[in-house]
């Protein structure tokens, strides 16, 4: 892969939260979700990251490539179009 979407970075930018609030368990908690599976299992972590991405899309986030490799170096990809954000996620009071 030469370019990808870093969900932690997208989450922080979209919900306007600092980097220390973009750990997987914190992101899930703020979105009112429980961690499914075993912590630090690559497959389970991937499934939980996908659940976060789906929720972000439901909240109106437009996920875009935000990182890439160039000449062996990690580069941040910036977009010329402004990204609209949403308020920081809150724990839901009630789920139906």
Protein backbone atom coordinates (compact mmCIF):
# COMPACT_ATOMS: atom_id res chain seq x y z
CA UNK A 1 0.00 0.00 0.00
CA UNK A 2 1.36 3.38 -0.95
CA UNK A 3 -1.54 5.46 0.38
CA UNK A 4 -4.22 4.89 2.98
CA UNK A 5 -6.68 6.42 5.42
CA UNK A 6 -5.37 6.74 8.98
CA UNK A 7 -8.62 6.42 10.95
CA UNK A 8 -7.06 7.86 14.12
CA UNK A 9 -6.08 10.99 12.24
CA UNK A 10 -9.47 11.23 10.48
CA UNK A 11 -11.32 10.69 13.78
CA UNK A 12 -9.32 13.43 15.53
CA UNK A 13 -9.86 15.90 12.72
CA UNK A 14 -13.55 15.13 12.23
CA UNK A 15 -14.59 15.15 15.88
CA UNK A 16 -12.07 17.85 16.81
CA UNK A 17 -10.38 15.87 19.58
CA UNK A 18 -6.69 15.86 20.57
CA UNK A 19 -4.40 13.02 19.56
CA UNK A 20 -4.43 11.54 23.08
CA UNK A 21 -8.17 10.91 22.57
CA UNK A 22 -7.63 8.77 19.45
CA UNK A 23 -6.63 5.49 21.05
CA UNK A 24 -8.82 2.64 19.82
CA UNK A 25 -10.52 1.98 23.17
CA UNK A 26 -11.16 5.69 23.78
CA UNK A 27 -12.62 6.22 20.30
CA UNK A 28 -14.98 3.28 20.80
CA UNK A 29 -15.98 4.48 24.26
CA UNK A 30 -16.72 8.02 23.05
CA UNK A 31 -18.90 6.58 20.29
CA UNK A 32 -20.82 4.46 22.81
CA UNK A 33 -19.38 1.17 21.56
CA UNK A 34 -17.76 -1.72 23.38
CA UNK A 35 -14.57 -3.36 22.16
CA UNK A 36 -15.49 -6.60 20.38
CA UNK A 37 -12.98 -9.44 20.64
CA UNK A 38 -9.55 -9.75 22.21
CA UNK A 39 -7.45 -6.58 22.67
CA UNK A 40 -4.36 -6.40 20.46
CA UNK A 41 -5.62 -9.14 18.15
CA UNK A 42 -4.94 -7.84 14.65
CA UNK A 43 -8.21 -9.20 13.28
CA UNK A 44 -10.31 -7.92 16.19
CA UNK A 45 -8.58 -4.50 16.14
CA UNK A 46 -9.31 -4.27 12.40
CA UNK A 47 -12.98 -5.10 12.91
CA UNK A 48 -13.29 -2.46 15.63
CA UNK A 49 -11.55 0.14 13.46
CA UNK A 50 -14.01 -0.69 10.68
CA UNK A 51 -16.90 -0.15 13.11
CA UNK A 52 -15.48 3.30 13.94
CA UNK A 53 -15.13 4.12 10.23
CA UNK A 54 -18.75 3.12 9.59
CA UNK A 55 -19.93 5.33 12.46
CA UNK A 56 -17.88 8.25 11.15
CA UNK A 57 -19.48 7.84 7.72
CA UNK A 58 -22.92 7.74 9.36
CA UNK A 59 -22.05 10.98 11.18
CA UNK A 60 -21.23 12.63 7.85
CA UNK A 61 -17.46 12.23 7.65
CA UNK A 62 -15.95 12.05 4.18
CA UNK A 63 -13.04 9.67 4.61
CA UNK A 64 -10.08 10.59 2.41
CA UNK A 65 -6.55 9.33 1.94
CA UNK A 66 -4.48 11.18 4.54
CA UNK A 67 -1.15 9.34 4.55
CA UNK A 68 1.16 7.90 1.91
CA UNK A 69 4.65 6.55 1.39
CA UNK A 70 7.00 8.47 -0.88
CA UNK A 71 10.61 7.43 -1.37
CA UNK A 72 10.42 5.35 1.81
CA UNK A 73 9.13 8.24 3.90
CA UNK A 74 5.73 8.56 5.60
CA UNK A 75 4.00 11.66 4.30
CA UNK A 76 0.79 13.39 5.37
CA UNK A 77 -1.61 14.01 2.51
CA UNK A 78 -3.41 17.31 2.74
CA UNK A 79 -6.53 18.19 0.86
CA UNK A 80 -7.19 21.57 -0.70
CA UNK A 81 -10.90 21.24 0.08
CA UNK A 82 -11.96 22.14 3.61
CA UNK A 83 -13.23 19.30 5.76
CA UNK A 84 -16.38 19.84 7.74
CA UNK A 85 -16.29 18.53 11.26
CA UNK A 86 -18.81 17.37 13.77
CA UNK A 87 -19.02 17.93 17.49
CA UNK A 88 -17.04 15.54 19.66
CA UNK A 89 -18.92 12.28 20.16
CA UNK A 90 -20.82 11.91 23.40
CA UNK A 91 -21.82 8.75 25.20
CA UNK A 92 -25.39 8.01 24.09
CA UNK A 93 -27.91 8.31 26.88
CA UNK A 94 -30.24 5.68 25.50
CA UNK A 95 -29.93 3.20 22.65
CA UNK A 96 -33.09 1.81 21.09
